[in-house]
PDB file of N, CA and C in Angstrom:
ATOM      1  N   MET A   1       0.967 -52.357 -67.217  1.00  0.00           N
ATOM      2  CA  MET A   1       0.221 -51.346 -67.927  1.00  0.00           C
ATOM      3  C   MET A   1      -1.188 -51.825 -68.260  1.00  0.00           C
ATOM      4  N   GLU A   2      -1.330 -53.121 -68.434  1.00  0.00           N
ATOM      5  CA  GLU A   2      -2.646 -53.670 -68.749  1.00  0.00           C
ATOM      6  C   GLU A   2      -3.642 -53.394 -67.623  1.00  0.00           C
ATOM      7  N   LEU A   3      -3.164 -53.435 -66.377  1.00  0.00           N
ATOM      8  CA  LEU A   3      -4.050 -53.145 -65.249  1.00  0.00           C
ATOM      9  C   LEU A   3      -4.577 -51.718 -65.309  1.00  0.00           C
ATOM     10  N   LEU A   4      -3.734 -50.791 -65.731  1.00  0.00           N
ATOM     11  CA  LEU A   4      -4.172 -49.402 -65.857  1.00  0.00           C
ATOM     12  C   LEU A   4      -5.250 -49.269 -66.923  1.00  0.00           C
ATOM     13  N   LEU A   5      -5.056 -49.942 -68.030  1.00  0.00           N
ATOM     14  CA  LEU A   5      -6.055 -49.886 -69.092  1.00  0.00           C
ATOM     15  C   LEU A   5      -7.360 -50.556 -68.675  1.00  0.00           C
ATOM     16  N   ASP A   6      -7.262 -51.629 -67.925  1.00  0.00           N
ATOM     17  CA  ASP A   6      -8.473 -52.288 -67.431  1.00  0.00           C
ATOM     18  C   ASP A   6      -9.263 -51.356 -66.519  1.00  0.00           C
ATOM     19  N   LYS A   7      -8.574 -50.657 -65.645  1.00  0.00           N
ATOM     20  CA  LYS A   7      -9.222 -49.798 -64.649  1.00  0.00           C
ATOM     21  C   LYS A   7      -9.699 -48.472 -65.242  1.00  0.00           C
ATOM     22  N   TYR A   8      -8.892 -47.867 -66.105  1.00  0.00           N
ATOM     23  CA  TYR A   8      -9.168 -46.506 -66.587  1.00  0.00           C
ATOM     24  C   TYR A   8      -9.298 -46.439 -68.103  1.00  0.00           C
ATOM     25  N   GLU A   9      -9.873 -47.469 -68.711  1.00  0.00           N
ATOM     26  CA  GLU A   9      -9.911 -47.533 -70.171  1.00  0.00           C
ATOM     27  C   GLU A   9     -10.594 -46.335 -70.818  1.00  0.00           C
ATOM     28  N   LEU A  10     -11.562 -45.736 -70.161  1.00  0.00           N
ATOM     29  CA  LEU A  10     -12.257 -44.583 -70.749  1.00  0.00           C
ATOM     30  C   LEU A  10     -11.529 -43.260 -70.496  1.00  0.00           C
ATOM     31  N   GLN A  11     -10.649 -43.220 -69.506  1.00  0.00           N
ATOM     32  CA  GLN A  11      -9.928 -41.992 -69.176  1.00  0.00           C
ATOM     33  C   GLN A  11      -8.542 -41.912 -69.808  1.00  0.00           C
ATOM     34  N   ILE A  12      -7.950 -43.054 -70.128  1.00  0.00           N
ATOM     35  CA  ILE A  12      -6.593 -43.074 -70.674  1.00  0.00           C
ATOM     36  C   ILE A  12      -6.665 -43.156 -72.188  1.00  0.00           C
ATOM     37  N   GLY A  13      -6.091 -42.162 -72.840  1.00  0.00           N
ATOM     38  CA  GLY A  13      -6.074 -42.154 -74.293  1.00  0.00           C
ATOM     39  C   GLY A  13      -4.853 -42.850 -74.861  1.00  0.00           C
ATOM     40  N   GLU A  14      -3.773 -42.879 -74.082  1.00  0.00           N
ATOM     41  CA  GLU A  14      -2.522 -43.439 -74.604  1.00  0.00           C
ATOM     42  C   GLU A  14      -1.607 -43.813 -73.457  1.00  0.00           C
ATOM     43  N   ILE A  15      -0.889 -44.913 -73.627  1.00  0.00           N
ATOM     44  CA  ILE A  15       0.211 -45.289 -72.741  1.00  0.00           C
ATOM     45  C   ILE A  15       1.428 -45.445 -73.633  1.00  0.00           C
ATOM     46  N   ALA A  16       2.502 -44.756 -73.295  1.00  0.00           N
ATOM     47  CA  ALA A  16       3.726 -44.819 -74.095  1.00  0.00           C
ATOM     48  C   ALA A  16       4.877 -45.297 -73.222  1.00  0.00           C
ATOM     49  N   LEU A  17       5.634 -46.249 -73.731  1.00  0.00           N
ATOM     50  CA  LEU A  17       6.857 -46.701 -73.081  1.00  0.00           C
ATOM     51  C   LEU A  17       8.029 -46.047 -73.787  1.00  0.00           C
ATOM     52  N   VAL A  18       8.825 -45.323 -73.016  1.00  0.00           N
ATOM     53  CA  VAL A  18       9.948 -44.589 -73.581  1.00  0.00           C
ATOM     54  C   VAL A  18      11.239 -45.190 -73.033  1.00  0.00           C
ATOM     55  N   PRO A  19      12.060 -45.780 -73.882  1.00  0.00           N
ATOM     56  CA  PRO A  19      13.314 -46.363 -73.416  1.00  0.00           C
ATOM     57  C   PRO A  19      14.223 -45.289 -72.806  1.00  0.00           C
ATOM     58  N   SER A  20      14.938 -45.694 -71.758  1.00  0.00           N
ATOM     59  CA  SER A  20      15.898 -44.783 -71.125  1.00  0.00           C
ATOM     60  C   SER A  20      17.029 -45.616 -70.544  1.00  0.00           C
ATOM     61  N   SER A  21      17.931 -44.951 -69.876  1.00  0.00           N
ATOM     62  CA  SER A  21      19.068 -45.656 -69.270  1.00  0.00           C
ATOM     63  C   SER A  21      19.186 -45.243 -67.811  1.00  0.00           C
ATOM     64  N   GLY A  22      20.083 -45.881 -67.114  1.00  0.00           N
ATOM     65  CA  GLY A  22      20.362 -45.489 -65.739  1.00  0.00           C
ATOM     66  C   GLY A  22      19.376 -46.011 -64.709  1.00  0.00           C
ATOM     67  N   GLY A  23      18.633 -47.064 -65.024  1.00  0.00           N
ATOM     68  CA  GLY A  23      17.725 -47.647 -64.048  1.00  0.00           C
ATOM     69  C   GLY A  23      16.439 -46.877 -63.841  1.00  0.00           C
ATOM     70  N   ARG A  24      16.089 -46.054 -64.792  1.00  0.00           N
ATOM     71  CA  ARG A  24      14.870 -45.249 -64.667  1.00  0.00           C
ATOM     72  C   ARG A  24      13.617 -46.069 -64.900  1.00  0.00           C
ATOM     73  N   PHE A  25      12.606 -45.755 -64.143  1.00  0.00           N
ATOM     74  CA  PHE A  25      11.241 -46.201 -64.395  1.00  0.00           C
ATOM     75  C   PHE A  25      10.375 -45.091 -63.843  1.00  0.00           C
ATOM     76  N   GLU A  26       9.850 -44.272 -64.706  1.00  0.00           N
ATOM     77  CA  GLU A  26       9.051 -43.130 -64.282  1.00  0.00           C
ATOM     78  C   GLU A  26       7.674 -43.204 -64.917  1.00  0.00           C
ATOM     79  N   VAL A  27       6.689 -42.802 -64.147  1.00  0.00           N
ATOM     80  CA  VAL A  27       5.318 -42.771 -64.628  1.00  0.00           C
ATOM     81  C   VAL A  27       4.848 -41.330 -64.552  1.00  0.00           C
ATOM     82  N   THR A  28       4.410 -40.819 -65.691  1.00  0.00           N
ATOM     83  CA  THR A  28       3.864 -39.465 -65.728  1.00  0.00           C
ATOM     84  C   THR A  28       2.446 -39.521 -66.270  1.00  0.00           C
ATOM     85  N   VAL A  29       1.630 -38.587 -65.810  1.00  0.00           N
ATOM     86  CA  VAL A  29       0.266 -38.436 -66.292  1.00  0.00           C
ATOM     87  C   VAL A  29       0.100 -36.980 -66.698  1.00  0.00           C
ATOM     88  N   ASP A  30      -0.213 -36.754 -67.954  1.00  0.00           N
ATOM     89  CA  ASP A  30      -0.346 -35.392 -68.494  1.00  0.00           C
ATOM     90  C   ASP A  30       0.881 -34.532 -68.167  1.00  0.00           C
ATOM     91  N   GLY A  31       2.062 -35.151 -68.266  1.00  0.00           N
ATOM     92  CA  GLY A  31       3.308 -34.427 -68.050  1.00  0.00           C
ATOM     93  C   GLY A  31       3.728 -34.283 -66.595  1.00  0.00           C
ATOM     94  N   GLU A  32       2.914 -34.750 -65.659  1.00  0.00           N
ATOM     95  CA  GLU A  32       3.255 -34.659 -64.234  1.00  0.00           C
ATOM     96  C   GLU A  32       3.767 -36.011 -63.738  1.00  0.00           C
ATOM     97  N   LEU A  33       4.936 -35.982 -63.113  1.00  0.00           N
ATOM     98  CA  LEU A  33       5.540 -37.191 -62.575  1.00  0.00           C
ATOM     99  C   LEU A  33       4.719 -37.696 -61.383  1.00  0.00           C
ATOM    100  N   VAL A  34       4.264 -38.935 -61.448  1.00  0.00           N
ATOM    101  CA  VAL A  34       3.509 -39.505 -60.330  1.00  0.00           C
ATOM    102  C   VAL A  34       4.285 -40.613 -59.614  1.00  0.00           C
ATOM    103  N   PHE A  35       5.314 -41.177 -60.277  1.00  0.00           N
ATOM    104  CA  PHE A  35       6.163 -42.156 -59.619  1.00  0.00           C
ATOM    105  C   PHE A  35       7.529 -42.181 -60.286  1.00  0.00           C
ATOM    106  N   SER A  36       8.575 -42.270 -59.464  1.00  0.00           N
ATOM    107  CA  SER A  36       9.940 -42.376 -59.959  1.00  0.00           C
ATOM    108  C   SER A  36      10.666 -43.474 -59.192  1.00  0.00           C
ATOM    109  N   LYS A  37      11.128 -44.489 -59.920  1.00  0.00           N
ATOM    110  CA  LYS A  37      11.905 -45.559 -59.297  1.00  0.00           C
ATOM    111  C   LYS A  37      13.200 -45.014 -58.713  1.00  0.00           C
ATOM    112  N   LEU A  38      13.808 -44.054 -59.378  1.00  0.00           N
ATOM    113  CA  LEU A  38      15.055 -43.488 -58.868  1.00  0.00           C
ATOM    114  C   LEU A  38      14.839 -42.786 -57.531  1.00  0.00           C
ATOM    115  N   ALA A  39      13.731 -42.064 -57.409  1.00  0.00           N
ATOM    116  CA  ALA A  39      13.446 -41.349 -56.161  1.00  0.00           C
ATOM    117  C   ALA A  39      13.039 -42.310 -55.045  1.00  0.00           C
ATOM    118  N   GLN A  40      12.215 -43.316 -55.387  1.00  0.00           N
ATOM    119  CA  GLN A  40      11.697 -44.248 -54.383  1.00  0.00           C
ATOM    120  C   GLN A  40      12.617 -45.444 -54.129  1.00  0.00           C
ATOM    121  N   LYS A  41      13.558 -45.648 -55.050  1.00  0.00           N
ATOM    122  CA  LYS A  41      14.510 -46.765 -54.972  1.00  0.00           C
ATOM    123  C   LYS A  41      13.805 -48.132 -54.981  1.00  0.00           C
ATOM    124  N   ARG A  42      12.691 -48.186 -55.738  1.00  0.00           N
ATOM    125  CA  ARG A  42      11.936 -49.430 -55.874  1.00  0.00           C
ATOM    126  C   ARG A  42      10.929 -49.278 -57.003  1.00  0.00           C
ATOM    127  N   PHE A  43      10.404 -50.392 -57.457  1.00  0.00           N
ATOM    128  CA  PHE A  43       9.315 -50.364 -58.421  1.00  0.00           C
ATOM    129  C   PHE A  43       8.000 -50.199 -57.663  1.00  0.00           C
ATOM    130  N   PRO A  44       6.996 -49.619 -58.291  1.00  0.00           N
ATOM    131  CA  PRO A  44       5.711 -49.485 -57.606  1.00  0.00           C
ATOM    132  C   PRO A  44       4.957 -50.815 -57.598  1.00  0.00           C
ATOM    133  N   GLU A  45       4.171 -51.016 -56.576  1.00  0.00           N
ATOM    134  CA  GLU A  45       3.249 -52.153 -56.554  1.00  0.00           C
ATOM    135  C   GLU A  45       2.122 -51.843 -57.540  1.00  0.00           C
ATOM    136  N   ASP A  46       1.484 -52.869 -58.076  1.00  0.00           N
ATOM    137  CA  ASP A  46       0.418 -52.668 -59.054  1.00  0.00           C
ATOM    138  C   ASP A  46      -0.688 -51.761 -58.520  1.00  0.00           C
ATOM    139  N   GLU A  47      -1.191 -52.070 -57.334  1.00  0.00           N
ATOM    140  CA  GLU A  47      -2.280 -51.278 -56.753  1.00  0.00           C
ATOM    141  C   GLU A  47      -1.848 -49.839 -56.476  1.00  0.00           C
ATOM    142  N   GLU A  48      -0.607 -49.666 -56.056  1.00  0.00           N
ATOM    143  CA  GLU A  48      -0.072 -48.329 -55.796  1.00  0.00           C
ATOM    144  C   GLU A  48      -0.081 -47.499 -57.083  1.00  0.00           C
ATOM    145  N   LEU A  49       0.359 -48.101 -58.155  1.00  0.00           N
ATOM    146  CA  LEU A  49       0.399 -47.407 -59.434  1.00  0.00           C
ATOM    147  C   LEU A  49      -1.010 -47.051 -59.910  1.00  0.00           C
ATOM    148  N   ILE A  50      -1.940 -47.961 -59.744  1.00  0.00           N
ATOM    149  CA  ILE A  50      -3.328 -47.687 -60.111  1.00  0.00           C
ATOM    150  C   ILE A  50      -3.876 -46.511 -59.307  1.00  0.00           C
ATOM    151  N   GLU A  51      -3.585 -46.465 -58.015  1.00  0.00           N
ATOM    152  CA  GLU A  51      -4.049 -45.362 -57.159  1.00  0.00           C
ATOM    153  C   GLU A  51      -3.401 -44.038 -57.549  1.00  0.00           C
ATOM    154  N   LEU A  52      -2.095 -44.047 -57.807  1.00  0.00           N
ATOM    155  CA  LEU A  52      -1.399 -42.817 -58.173  1.00  0.00           C
ATOM    156  C   LEU A  52      -1.921 -42.237 -59.481  1.00  0.00           C
ATOM    157  N   VAL A  53      -2.094 -43.094 -60.461  1.00  0.00           N
ATOM    158  CA  VAL A  53      -2.611 -42.647 -61.756  1.00  0.00           C
ATOM    159  C   VAL A  53      -4.058 -42.175 -61.600  1.00  0.00           C
ATOM    160  N   GLY A  54      -4.849 -42.922 -60.846  1.00  0.00           N
ATOM    161  CA  GLY A  54      -6.241 -42.539 -60.633  1.00  0.00           C
ATOM    162  C   GLY A  54      -6.385 -41.203 -59.934  1.00  0.00           C
ATOM    163  N   ALA A  55      -5.531 -40.940 -58.958  1.00  0.00           N
ATOM    164  CA  ALA A  55      -5.568 -39.655 -58.262  1.00  0.00           C
ATOM    165  C   ALA A  55      -5.252 -38.516 -59.217  1.00  0.00           C
ATOM    166  N   ARG A  56      -4.305 -38.721 -60.096  1.00  0.00           N
ATOM    167  CA  ARG A  56      -3.928 -37.679 -61.050  1.00  0.00           C
ATOM    168  C   ARG A  56      -5.026 -37.481 -62.099  1.00  0.00           C
ATOM    169  N   ILE A  57      -5.634 -38.560 -62.548  1.00  0.00           N
ATOM    170  CA  ILE A  57      -6.716 -38.452 -63.525  1.00  0.00           C
ATOM    171  C   ILE A  57      -7.898 -37.687 -62.936  1.00  0.00           C
ATOM    172  N   SER A  58      -8.257 -38.004 -61.693  1.00  0.00           N
ATOM    173  CA  SER A  58      -9.414 -37.345 -61.083  1.00  0.00           C
ATOM    174  C   SER A  58      -9.115 -35.898 -60.694  1.00  0.00           C
ATOM    175  N   ALA A  59      -7.842 -35.532 -60.616  1.00  0.00           N
ATOM    176  CA  ALA A  59      -7.479 -34.146 -60.302  1.00  0.00           C
ATOM    177  C   ALA A  59      -7.705 -33.222 -61.505  1.00  0.00           C
ATOM    178  N   ASN A  60      -7.837 -33.796 -62.682  1.00  0.00           N
ATOM    179  CA  ASN A  60      -8.046 -32.995 -63.897  1.00  0.00           C
ATOM    180  C   ASN A  60      -9.462 -32.587 -64.005  1.00  0.00           C
TER     181      ASN A  60
END
């Protein structure tokens, strides 16, 4: 998460970690799912996550 803040510190107002169960790791931006570990069956690479979040931020 620190990488996201380093890259998008002026665009990101908040990062929240929400505990869950069942092997979930999901990343949402403004309520839109941008990555799901359950769907992809893997964790995202750091650069991949930065690109996904950046694409969603610039779409706003």
